[in-house]
Amino acid sequence: METARSGGRLATSERLTAAATANSCACCALCHLQPRCASLGFNPLTGECELYGSVASYATLLVDPEENWSYYVMPGRSAHQQFCRHDSDCTDAGDACRGRVCTDRTSVTCRDIARWLGAGRHPFGDADVRMFGWLGGRETPLECDVVNGVSGFTELLSARAGVRLNSATILELNRRLEPDVRAHSILGMAEAISRLGAGPVYQLAVSVDGRWATDGQQGRVPRNHTITVETIGGTIQVSFRDERNAVTRVKLPSDDAAGAGYVAQVEQEGSETRVAYDWIEIYIRE
């Protein structure tokens, strides 16, 4: 029953009843006994169990920063843009469970979550947080971030020190975002994501050791231009050309590169090269 946002609860105005239970299963059993119960919250530290008469959405779930509260939904109770786990949970015609939200959208990115699903009006949109999207016909965990005050950027690549990539892993690696893996990539979906937006440009952003290496102009890319990925002399090179025709290149050590003491470096026309010693990230906002 776990949803797209497992840590949180609904407002007291949505609460049907509160009780003390031994575990989440006992809390769920209480929900089953109440015909009006649509979702529930449980705090294992205190044993608090709250039953709600509605299902939360990104816009209405109250975030628990300590992640003590777990939030769950009951089957077949989720209206449009409310959390879900299965298509059968969605009650509105035309909706399916995409990115653990009932929606009629065929894809779900961080921009969709921020702009259309309500997270941008909520504390979710103010930090680098893990969400659930829907890309290429399957559920995809996403890292979402705010860049220069704009929310809705989807992480395409994250690489930490000591990571070596190759022509295959640079395009897709650790899609499930397992925490013990020091890299993540969905760069192979960059072109498909860029096509999801409207207007003449989309945005790309590069972060080097936690600092943005691209400004607003460098990150504006004509929609008919795509990221290119190629292997050159033992280095994997990811590059894109912005609307001013200036090229940004991200160079990463590949599997067969020996002795490189950095994760990656960023070369931008008209700027000095920036070297990443801890980590580098690439984001897209379609």
C-alpha atoms as a PDB file:
ATOM      1  CA  MET A   1       0.000   0.000   0.000  1.00  0.00           C
ATOM      2  CA  GLU A   2       2.998   2.344   0.146  1.00  0.00           C
ATOM      3  CA  THR A   3       2.588   5.362  -2.115  1.00  0.00           C
ATOM      4  CA  ALA A   4       4.727   7.858  -4.009  1.00  0.00           C
ATOM      5  CA  ARG A   5       5.409   9.724  -0.776  1.00  0.00           C
ATOM      6  CA  SER A   6       5.687   7.264   2.100  1.00  0.00           C
ATOM      7  CA  GLY A   7       6.672   9.789   4.785  1.00  0.00           C
ATOM      8  CA  GLY A   8       3.799  12.026   5.807  1.00  0.00           C
ATOM      9  CA  ARG A   9       0.214  12.332   6.932  1.00  0.00           C
ATOM     10  CA  LEU A  10      -3.008  14.186   6.108  1.00  0.00           C
ATOM     11  CA  ALA A  11      -4.371  17.212   7.935  1.00  0.00           C
ATOM     12  CA  THR A  12      -6.495  16.675  11.048  1.00  0.00           C
ATOM     13  CA  SER A  13      -9.531  17.883   9.099  1.00  0.00           C
ATOM     14  CA  GLU A  14      -9.316  14.673   7.032  1.00  0.00           C
ATOM     15  CA  ARG A  15      -8.957  12.401  10.063  1.00  0.00           C
ATOM     16  CA  LEU A  16     -11.775   9.994  10.866  1.00  0.00           C
ATOM     17  CA  THR A  17     -10.261   8.638  14.048  1.00  0.00           C
ATOM     18  CA  ALA A  18      -6.977   8.157  15.887  1.00  0.00           C
ATOM     19  CA  ALA A  19      -5.878   5.144  17.908  1.00  0.00           C
ATOM     20  CA  ALA A  20      -2.834   3.389  19.308  1.00  0.00           C
ATOM     21  CA  THR A  21      -1.791   0.165  17.535  1.00  0.00           C
ATOM     22  CA  ALA A  22       1.155  -2.192  17.732  1.00  0.00           C
ATOM     23  CA  ASN A  23       2.127  -1.942  14.057  1.00  0.00           C
ATOM     24  CA  SER A  24       1.005  -0.749  10.629  1.00  0.00           C
ATOM     25  CA  CYS A  25      -0.828  -4.010   9.946  1.00  0.00           C
ATOM     26  CA  ALA A  26      -3.035  -3.450  12.990  1.00  0.00           C
ATOM     27  CA  CYS A  27      -3.620   0.125  11.845  1.00  0.00           C
ATOM     28  CA  CYS A  28      -4.595  -1.165   8.404  1.00  0.00           C
ATOM     29  CA  ALA A  29      -7.009  -3.642  10.001  1.00  0.00           C
ATOM     30  CA  LEU A  30      -8.766  -0.760  11.757  1.00  0.00           C
ATOM     31  CA  CYS A  31      -9.084   1.009   8.408  1.00  0.00           C
ATOM     32  CA  HIS A  32     -10.724  -2.071   6.880  1.00  0.00           C
ATOM     33  CA  LEU A  33     -13.338  -1.984   9.636  1.00  0.00           C
ATOM     34  CA  GLN A  34     -14.373   1.570   8.730  1.00  0.00           C
ATOM     35  CA  PRO A  35     -16.253   1.803   5.405  1.00  0.00           C
ATOM     36  CA  ARG A  36     -15.287   5.482   5.019  1.00  0.00           C
ATOM     37  CA  CYS A  37     -11.548   4.892   5.556  1.00  0.00           C
ATOM     38  CA  ALA A  38      -9.640   5.659   2.351  1.00  0.00           C
ATOM     39  CA  SER A  39      -6.081   5.934   3.682  1.00  0.00           C
ATOM     40  CA  LEU A  40      -4.088   5.787   6.895  1.00  0.00           C
ATOM     41  CA  GLY A  41      -0.951   7.056   8.608  1.00  0.00           C
ATOM     42  CA  PHE A  42       1.135   5.175  11.153  1.00  0.00           C
ATOM     43  CA  ASN A  43       4.007   6.286  13.388  1.00  0.00           C
ATOM     44  CA  PRO A  44       6.017   3.245  14.603  1.00  0.00           C
ATOM     45  CA  LEU A  45       7.869   5.313  17.219  1.00  0.00           C
ATOM     46  CA  THR A  46       4.709   6.334  19.069  1.00  0.00           C
ATOM     47  CA  GLY A  47       2.238   3.685  17.892  1.00  0.00           C
ATOM     48  CA  GLU A  48      -0.095   6.405  16.621  1.00  0.00           C
ATOM     49  CA  CYS A  49      -2.563   5.316  13.952  1.00  0.00           C
ATOM     50  CA  GLU A  50      -4.652   7.841  12.023  1.00  0.00           C
ATOM     51  CA  LEU A  51      -7.471   6.914   9.643  1.00  0.00           C
ATOM     52  CA  TYR A  52      -8.506   9.341   6.902  1.00  0.00           C
ATOM     53  CA  GLY A  53     -11.630   9.772   4.817  1.00  0.00           C
ATOM     54  CA  SER A  54      -9.728  10.727   1.665  1.00  0.00           C
ATOM     55  CA  VAL A  55      -6.523   9.956  -0.224  1.00  0.00           C
ATOM     56  CA  ALA A  56      -3.620  12.429  -0.271  1.00  0.00           C
ATOM     57  CA  SER A  57      -2.013  14.041  -3.290  1.00  0.00           C
ATOM     58  CA  TYR A  58       1.307  15.850  -3.683  1.00  0.00           C
ATOM     59  CA  ALA A  59      -0.563  19.071  -2.897  1.00  0.00           C
ATOM     60  CA  THR A  60      -2.253  17.843   0.315  1.00  0.00           C
ATOM     61  CA  LEU A  61       0.126  15.394   2.018  1.00  0.00           C
ATOM     62  CA  LEU A  62       1.850  16.993   5.013  1.00  0.00           C
ATOM     63  CA  VAL A  63       5.524  16.094   4.765  1.00  0.00           C
ATOM     64  CA  ASP A  64       7.175  14.523   7.794  1.00  0.00           C
ATOM     65  CA  PRO A  65      10.801  15.752   7.691  1.00  0.00           C
ATOM     66  CA  GLU A  66      11.856  13.090  10.201  1.00  0.00           C
ATOM     67  CA  GLU A  67      10.099  10.387   8.135  1.00  0.00           C
ATOM     68  CA  ASN A  68       8.543   8.855  11.235  1.00  0.00           C
ATOM     69  CA  TRP A  69       5.070   8.736   9.715  1.00  0.00           C
ATOM     70  CA  SER A  70       4.287   6.196   6.996  1.00  0.00           C
ATOM     71  CA  TYR A  71       1.351   6.859   4.695  1.00  0.00           C
ATOM     72  CA  TYR A  72      -0.744   4.195   2.926  1.00  0.00           C
ATOM     73  CA  VAL A  73      -3.799   4.110   0.652  1.00  0.00           C
ATOM     74  CA  MET A  74      -6.648   1.626   0.507  1.00  0.00           C
ATOM     75  CA  PRO A  75      -7.448  -0.067  -2.839  1.00  0.00           C
ATOM     76  CA  GLY A  76      -9.885   1.566  -5.237  1.00  0.00           C
ATOM     77  CA  ARG A  77     -10.239   4.916  -3.440  1.00  0.00           C
ATOM     78  CA  SER A  78      -7.980   7.281  -5.410  1.00  0.00           C
ATOM     79  CA  ALA A  79      -9.451  10.182  -7.393  1.00  0.00           C
ATOM     80  CA  HIS A  80      -7.681  12.231 -10.071  1.00  0.00           C
ATOM     81  CA  GLN A  81      -4.122  13.272  -9.035  1.00  0.00           C
ATOM     82  CA  GLN A  82      -4.315  11.336  -5.774  1.00  0.00           C
ATOM     83  CA  PHE A  83      -1.737   8.706  -4.781  1.00  0.00           C
ATOM     84  CA  CYS A  84      -2.179   5.098  -5.905  1.00  0.00           C
ATOM     85  CA  ARG A  85      -0.309   1.841  -6.395  1.00  0.00           C
ATOM     86  CA  HIS A  86      -2.318   0.105  -9.138  1.00  0.00           C
ATOM     87  CA  ASP A  87      -4.497   1.143 -12.076  1.00  0.00           C
ATOM     88  CA  SER A  88      -7.496  -0.376 -10.280  1.00  0.00           C
ATOM     89  CA  ASP A  89      -7.059   2.171  -7.465  1.00  0.00           C
ATOM     90  CA  CYS A  90      -8.057   5.054  -9.765  1.00  0.00           C
ATOM     91  CA  THR A  91     -11.751   5.936  -9.711  1.00  0.00           C
ATOM     92  CA  ASP A  92     -11.898   8.599 -12.454  1.00  0.00           C
ATOM     93  CA  ALA A  93     -12.529   7.527 -16.043  1.00  0.00           C
ATOM     94  CA  GLY A  94      -9.404   7.731 -18.205  1.00  0.00           C
ATOM     95  CA  ASP A  95      -6.994   7.703 -15.271  1.00  0.00           C
ATOM     96  CA  ALA A  96      -4.261   5.123 -14.669  1.00  0.00           C
ATOM     97  CA  CYS A  97      -1.668   4.832 -11.918  1.00  0.00           C
ATOM     98  CA  ARG A  98       1.413   6.515 -13.399  1.00  0.00           C
ATOM     99  CA  GLY A  99       4.271   7.394 -11.094  1.00  0.00           C
ATOM    100  CA  ARG A 100       2.026   6.289  -8.194  1.00  0.00           C
ATOM    101  CA  VAL A 101      -0.490   9.048  -8.986  1.00  0.00           C
ATOM    102  CA  CYS A 102      -3.849   8.674 -10.732  1.00  0.00           C
ATOM    103  CA  THR A 103      -3.527  10.681 -13.935  1.00  0.00           C
ATOM    104  CA  ASP A 104      -4.451  10.728 -17.602  1.00  0.00           C
ATOM    105  CA  ARG A 105      -0.886  11.751 -18.532  1.00  0.00           C
ATOM    106  CA  THR A 106       1.137   9.244 -20.560  1.00  0.00           C
ATOM    107  CA  SER A 107       4.423  10.275 -18.927  1.00  0.00           C
ATOM    108  CA  VAL A 108       5.367  11.777 -15.563  1.00  0.00           C
ATOM    109  CA  THR A 109       8.599  13.754 -15.061  1.00  0.00           C
ATOM    110  CA  CYS A 110       9.769  16.040 -12.251  1.00  0.00           C
ATOM    111  CA  ARG A 111       8.355  18.995 -14.188  1.00  0.00           C
ATOM    112  CA  ASP A 112       4.955  17.293 -14.309  1.00  0.00           C
ATOM    113  CA  ILE A 113       5.115  16.573 -10.581  1.00  0.00           C
ATOM    114  CA  ALA A 114       5.997  20.182  -9.774  1.00  0.00           C
ATOM    115  CA  ARG A 115       3.717  21.899 -12.279  1.00  0.00           C
ATOM    116  CA  TRP A 116       0.688  19.662 -12.802  1.00  0.00           C
ATOM    117  CA  LEU A 117       0.537  17.354  -9.794  1.00  0.00           C
ATOM    118  CA  GLY A 118       0.898  19.974  -7.075  1.00  0.00           C
ATOM    119  CA  ALA A 119       4.373  19.394  -5.640  1.00  0.00           C
ATOM    120  CA  GLY A 120       5.570  22.814  -6.775  1.00  0.00           C
ATOM    121  CA  ARG A 121       3.089  24.448  -4.378  1.00  0.00           C
ATOM    122  CA  HIS A 122       4.338  22.299  -1.513  1.00  0.00           C
ATOM    123  CA  PRO A 123       7.653  21.828   0.379  1.00  0.00           C
ATOM    124  CA  PHE A 124       8.417  18.874  -1.939  1.00  0.00           C
ATOM    125  CA  GLY A 125       9.404  21.390  -4.571  1.00  0.00           C
ATOM    126  CA  ASP A 126      11.988  23.156  -2.444  1.00  0.00           C
ATOM    127  CA  ALA A 127      14.681  20.488  -2.214  1.00  0.00           C
ATOM    128  CA  ASP A 128      16.390  17.646  -4.004  1.00  0.00           C
ATOM    129  CA  VAL A 129      13.970  14.797  -3.273  1.00  0.00           C
ATOM    130  CA  ARG A 130      13.112  11.384  -4.655  1.00  0.00           C
ATOM    131  CA  MET A 131       9.836  11.105  -6.540  1.00  0.00           C
ATOM    132  CA  PHE A 132       8.219   8.479  -8.740  1.00  0.00           C
ATOM    133  CA  GLY A 133       7.765   9.153 -12.442  1.00  0.00           C
ATOM    134  CA  TRP A 134       6.539   7.240 -15.471  1.00  0.00           C
ATOM    135  CA  LEU A 135       8.913   7.050 -18.433  1.00  0.00           C
ATOM    136  CA  GLY A 136       9.119   4.636 -21.326  1.00  0.00           C
ATOM    137  CA  GLY A 137       5.995   2.810 -20.190  1.00  0.00           C
ATOM    138  CA  ARG A 138       7.239   1.928 -16.703  1.00  0.00           C
ATOM    139  CA  GLU A 139       7.520   3.345 -13.221  1.00  0.00           C
ATOM    140  CA  THR A 140      10.794   5.205 -12.747  1.00  0.00           C
ATOM    141  CA  PRO A 141      12.128   6.636  -9.469  1.00  0.00           C
ATOM    142  CA  LEU A 142      13.333  10.192 -10.073  1.00  0.00           C
ATOM    143  CA  GLU A 143      15.594  12.655  -8.310  1.00  0.00           C
ATOM    144  CA  CYS A 144      13.958  16.085  -8.624  1.00  0.00           C
ATOM    145  CA  ASP A 145      15.690  19.383  -7.938  1.00  0.00           C
ATOM    146  CA  VAL A 146      15.363  23.164  -8.006  1.00  0.00           C
ATOM    147  CA  VAL A 147      17.825  24.998 -10.296  1.00  0.00           C
ATOM    148  CA  ASN A 148      18.258  28.759  -9.977  1.00  0.00           C
ATOM    149  CA  GLY A 149      14.880  29.007  -8.237  1.00  0.00           C
ATOM    150  CA  VAL A 150      13.027  26.925 -10.852  1.00  0.00           C
ATOM    151  CA  SER A 151      11.552  23.600  -9.746  1.00  0.00           C
ATOM    152  CA  GLY A 152      10.876  20.523 -11.852  1.00  0.00           C
ATOM    153  CA  PHE A 153      14.358  19.446 -12.993  1.00  0.00           C
ATOM    154  CA  THR A 154      14.798  15.677 -13.515  1.00  0.00           C
ATOM    155  CA  GLU A 155      18.211  14.190 -12.778  1.00  0.00           C
ATOM    156  CA  LEU A 156      19.707  12.490 -15.848  1.00  0.00           C
ATOM    157  CA  LEU A 157      23.102  11.605 -14.388  1.00  0.00           C
ATOM    158  CA  SER A 158      24.791  11.514 -10.997  1.00  0.00           C
ATOM    159  CA  ALA A 159      28.324  10.151 -10.592  1.00  0.00           C
ATOM    160  CA  ARG A 160      30.437  10.072  -7.435  1.00  0.00           C
ATOM    161  CA  ALA A 161      34.190   9.841  -7.008  1.00  0.00           C
ATOM    162  CA  GLY A 162      35.608   6.455  -7.913  1.00  0.00           C
ATOM    163  CA  VAL A 163      32.828   5.611 -10.371  1.00  0.00           C
ATOM    164  CA  ARG A 164      33.823   4.482 -13.864  1.00  0.00           C
ATOM    165  CA  LEU A 165      31.179   4.344 -16.575  1.00  0.00           C
ATOM    166  CA  ASN A 166      31.163   2.866 -20.077  1.00  0.00           C
ATOM    167  CA  SER A 167      29.167   3.264 -23.269  1.00  0.00           C
ATOM    168  CA  ALA A 168      26.293   1.200 -21.815  1.00  0.00           C
ATOM    169  CA  THR A 169      26.141   2.344 -18.181  1.00  0.00           C
ATOM    170  CA  ILE A 170      26.379   6.032 -19.132  1.00  0.00           C
ATOM    171  CA  LEU A 171      22.952   5.646 -20.768  1.00  0.00           C
ATOM    172  CA  GLU A 172      21.214   3.627 -18.052  1.00  0.00           C
ATOM    173  CA  LEU A 173      22.497   2.664 -14.619  1.00  0.00           C
ATOM    174  CA  ASN A 174      20.796   2.078 -11.277  1.00  0.00           C
ATOM    175  CA  ARG A 175      17.385   3.044 -12.612  1.00  0.00           C
ATOM    176  CA  ARG A 176      15.805   2.014  -9.301  1.00  0.00           C
ATOM    177  CA  LEU A 177      18.025   4.525  -7.417  1.00  0.00           C
ATOM    178  CA  GLU A 178      19.451   1.969  -4.999  1.00  0.00           C
ATOM    179  CA  PRO A 179      21.244   3.999  -2.278  1.00  0.00           C
ATOM    180  CA  ASP A 180      24.379   1.829  -2.110  1.00  0.00           C
ATOM    181  CA  VAL A 181      25.191   2.407  -5.814  1.00  0.00           C
ATOM    182  CA  ARG A 182      27.387   5.461  -6.321  1.00  0.00           C
ATOM    183  CA  ALA A 183      26.006   6.429  -9.715  1.00  0.00           C
ATOM    184  CA  HIS A 184      22.681   6.837 -11.479  1.00  0.00           C
ATOM    185  CA  SER A 185      21.901   7.487 -15.127  1.00  0.00           C
ATOM    186  CA  ILE A 186      18.871   7.742 -17.386  1.00  0.00           C
ATOM    187  CA  LEU A 187      20.792   9.705 -20.035  1.00  0.00           C
ATOM    188  CA  GLY A 188      19.491   7.277 -22.630  1.00  0.00           C
ATOM    189  CA  MET A 189      16.044   8.865 -22.129  1.00  0.00           C
ATOM    190  CA  ALA A 190      17.235  12.472 -22.471  1.00  0.00           C
ATOM    191  CA  GLU A 191      15.985  12.924 -26.033  1.00  0.00           C
ATOM    192  CA  ALA A 192      12.598  11.358 -25.259  1.00  0.00           C
ATOM    193  CA  ILE A 193      12.179  13.609 -22.206  1.00  0.00           C
ATOM    194  CA  SER A 194      13.154  16.724 -24.188  1.00  0.00           C
ATOM    195  CA  ARG A 195      10.364  15.925 -26.681  1.00  0.00           C
ATOM    196  CA  LEU A 196       7.717  15.929 -23.932  1.00  0.00           C
ATOM    197  CA  GLY A 197       7.733  19.716 -23.550  1.00  0.00           C
ATOM    198  CA  ALA A 198       6.413  22.533 -25.726  1.00  0.00           C
ATOM    199  CA  GLY A 199       8.044  25.715 -26.942  1.00  0.00           C
ATOM    200  CA  PRO A 200      11.313  26.291 -28.793  1.00  0.00           C
ATOM    201  CA  VAL A 201      13.741  25.394 -25.962  1.00  0.00           C
ATOM    202  CA  TYR A 202      14.192  23.045 -23.029  1.00  0.00           C
ATOM    203  CA  GLN A 203      16.657  23.350 -20.142  1.00  0.00           C
ATOM    204  CA  LEU A 204      19.765  21.439 -19.102  1.00  0.00           C
ATOM    205  CA  ALA A 205      21.784  22.083 -15.951  1.00  0.00           C
ATOM    206  CA  VAL A 206      25.156  20.753 -14.802  1.00  0.00           C
ATOM    207  CA  SER A 207      26.228  20.673 -11.149  1.00  0.00           C
ATOM    208  CA  VAL A 208      29.896  20.286 -10.165  1.00  0.00           C
ATOM    209  CA  ASP A 209      30.549  19.363  -6.520  1.00  0.00           C
ATOM    210  CA  GLY A 210      27.191  20.863  -5.574  1.00  0.00           C
ATOM    211  CA  ARG A 211      27.582  24.137  -7.486  1.00  0.00           C
ATOM    212  CA  TRP A 212      25.751  24.924 -10.726  1.00  0.00           C
ATOM    213  CA  ALA A 213      28.121  25.139 -13.689  1.00  0.00           C
ATOM    214  CA  THR A 214      25.435  26.338 -16.102  1.00  0.00           C
ATOM    215  CA  ASP A 215      23.552  29.609 -15.912  1.00  0.00           C
ATOM    216  CA  GLY A 216      20.123  30.340 -17.343  1.00  0.00           C
ATOM    217  CA  GLN A 217      21.449  31.085 -20.833  1.00  0.00           C
ATOM    218  CA  GLN A 218      23.866  28.155 -21.052  1.00  0.00           C
ATOM    219  CA  GLY A 219      21.078  25.790 -20.033  1.00  0.00           C
ATOM    220  CA  ARG A 220      18.574  26.843 -22.728  1.00  0.00           C
ATOM    221  CA  VAL A 221      18.781  24.286 -25.518  1.00  0.00           C
ATOM    222  CA  PRO A 222      16.821  24.385 -28.812  1.00  0.00           C
ATOM    223  CA  ARG A 223      14.292  21.561 -28.805  1.00  0.00           C
ATOM    224  CA  ASN A 224      15.676  20.139 -32.035  1.00  0.00           C
ATOM    225  CA  HIS A 225      19.117  19.759 -30.390  1.00  0.00           C
ATOM    226  CA  THR A 226      19.810  16.701 -28.266  1.00  0.00           C
ATOM    227  CA  ILE A 227      22.500  15.600 -25.843  1.00  0.00           C
ATOM    228  CA  THR A 228      25.243  13.632 -27.549  1.00  0.00           C
ATOM    229  CA  VAL A 229      27.151  10.859 -25.789  1.00  0.00           C
ATOM    230  CA  GLU A 230      30.375   9.473 -27.239  1.00  0.00           C
ATOM    231  CA  THR A 231      33.596   7.763 -26.157  1.00  0.00           C
ATOM    232  CA  ILE A 232      36.762   9.658 -27.098  1.00  0.00           C
ATOM    233  CA  GLY A 233      40.224   8.470 -26.088  1.00  0.00           C
ATOM    234  CA  GLY A 234      39.188   6.605 -22.953  1.00  0.00           C
ATOM    235  CA  THR A 235      36.841   9.394 -21.883  1.00  0.00           C
ATOM    236  CA  ILE A 236      33.060   9.473 -22.086  1.00  0.00           C
ATOM    237  CA  GLN A 237      31.926  12.863 -23.369  1.00  0.00           C
ATOM    238  CA  VAL A 238      28.416  14.219 -22.873  1.00  0.00           C
ATOM    239  CA  SER A 239      27.804  17.458 -24.754  1.00  0.00           C
ATOM    240  CA  PHE A 240      25.015  19.844 -25.726  1.00  0.00           C
ATOM    241  CA  ARG A 241      24.740  23.101 -27.677  1.00  0.00           C
ATOM    242  CA  ASP A 242      22.696  25.972 -26.209  1.00  0.00           C
ATOM    243  CA  GLU A 243      20.580  28.518 -28.066  1.00  0.00           C
ATOM    244  CA  ARG A 244      23.615  30.817 -28.428  1.00  0.00           C
ATOM    245  CA  ASN A 245      25.389  27.964 -30.249  1.00  0.00           C
ATOM    246  CA  ALA A 246      27.898  27.571 -27.379  1.00  0.00           C
ATOM    247  CA  VAL A 247      28.850  24.005 -26.483  1.00  0.00           C
ATOM    248  CA  THR A 248      29.052  22.526 -22.975  1.00  0.00           C
ATOM    249  CA  ARG A 249      31.026  19.288 -22.627  1.00  0.00           C
ATOM    250  CA  VAL A 250      31.011  16.979 -19.620  1.00  0.00           C
ATOM    251  CA  LYS A 251      33.938  14.557 -19.690  1.00  0.00           C
ATOM    252  CA  LEU A 252      33.896  11.475 -17.445  1.00  0.00           C
ATOM    253  CA  PRO A 253      36.588   8.813 -16.959  1.00  0.00           C
ATOM    254  CA  SER A 254      35.546   5.573 -18.647  1.00  0.00           C
ATOM    255  CA  ASP A 255      36.165   1.984 -17.552  1.00  0.00           C
ATOM    256  CA  ASP A 256      39.445   1.804 -19.426  1.00  0.00           C
ATOM    257  CA  ALA A 257      40.785   5.206 -18.264  1.00  0.00           C
ATOM    258  CA  ALA A 258      43.545   4.777 -15.694  1.00  0.00           C
ATOM    259  CA  GLY A 259      44.666   7.111 -12.957  1.00  0.00           C
ATOM    260  CA  ALA A 260      42.178   9.949 -13.338  1.00  0.00           C
ATOM    261  CA  GLY A 261      41.984  11.754  -9.978  1.00  0.00           C
ATOM    262  CA  TYR A 262      38.618  13.380 -10.611  1.00  0.00           C
ATOM    263  CA  VAL A 263      35.055  12.304 -11.303  1.00  0.00           C
ATOM    264  CA  ALA A 264      34.568  14.547 -14.324  1.00  0.00           C
ATOM    265  CA  GLN A 265      35.262  17.941 -15.798  1.00  0.00           C
ATOM    266  CA  VAL A 266      33.057  20.492 -17.521  1.00  0.00           C
ATOM    267  CA  GLU A 267      34.285  22.537 -20.480  1.00  0.00           C
ATOM    268  CA  GLN A 268      32.256  25.514 -21.647  1.00  0.00           C
ATOM    269  CA  GLU A 269      33.105  27.845 -24.493  1.00  0.00           C
ATOM    270  CA  GLY A 270      34.217  31.162 -23.032  1.00  0.00           C
ATOM    271  CA  SER A 271      34.647  29.756 -19.500  1.00  0.00           C
ATOM    272  CA  GLU A 272      37.403  27.973 -17.629  1.00  0.00           C
ATOM    273  CA  THR A 273      37.261  24.216 -17.199  1.00  0.00           C
ATOM    274  CA  ARG A 274      35.662  23.054 -13.951  1.00  0.00           C
ATOM    275  CA  VAL A 275      36.878  19.828 -12.365  1.00  0.00           C
ATOM    276  CA  ALA A 276      34.645  17.671 -10.149  1.00  0.00           C
ATOM    277  CA  TYR A 277      36.455  15.863  -7.351  1.00  0.00           C
ATOM    278  CA  ASP A 278      33.409  14.572  -5.444  1.00  0.00           C
ATOM    279  CA  TRP A 279      30.432  14.314  -7.773  1.00  0.00           C
ATOM    280  CA  ILE A 280      28.780  15.660 -10.901  1.00  0.00           C
ATOM    281  CA  GLU A 281      25.117  15.823 -11.906  1.00  0.00           C
ATOM    282  CA  ILE A 282      23.183  16.629 -15.076  1.00  0.00           C
ATOM    283  CA  TYR A 283      19.510  17.680 -14.965  1.00  0.00           C
ATOM    284  CA  ILE A 284      16.826  18.291 -17.583  1.00  0.00           C
ATOM    285  CA  ARG A 285      13.603  20.296 -17.513  1.00  0.00           C
ATOM    286  CA  GLU A 286      11.581  19.731 -20.640  1.00  0.00           C
END
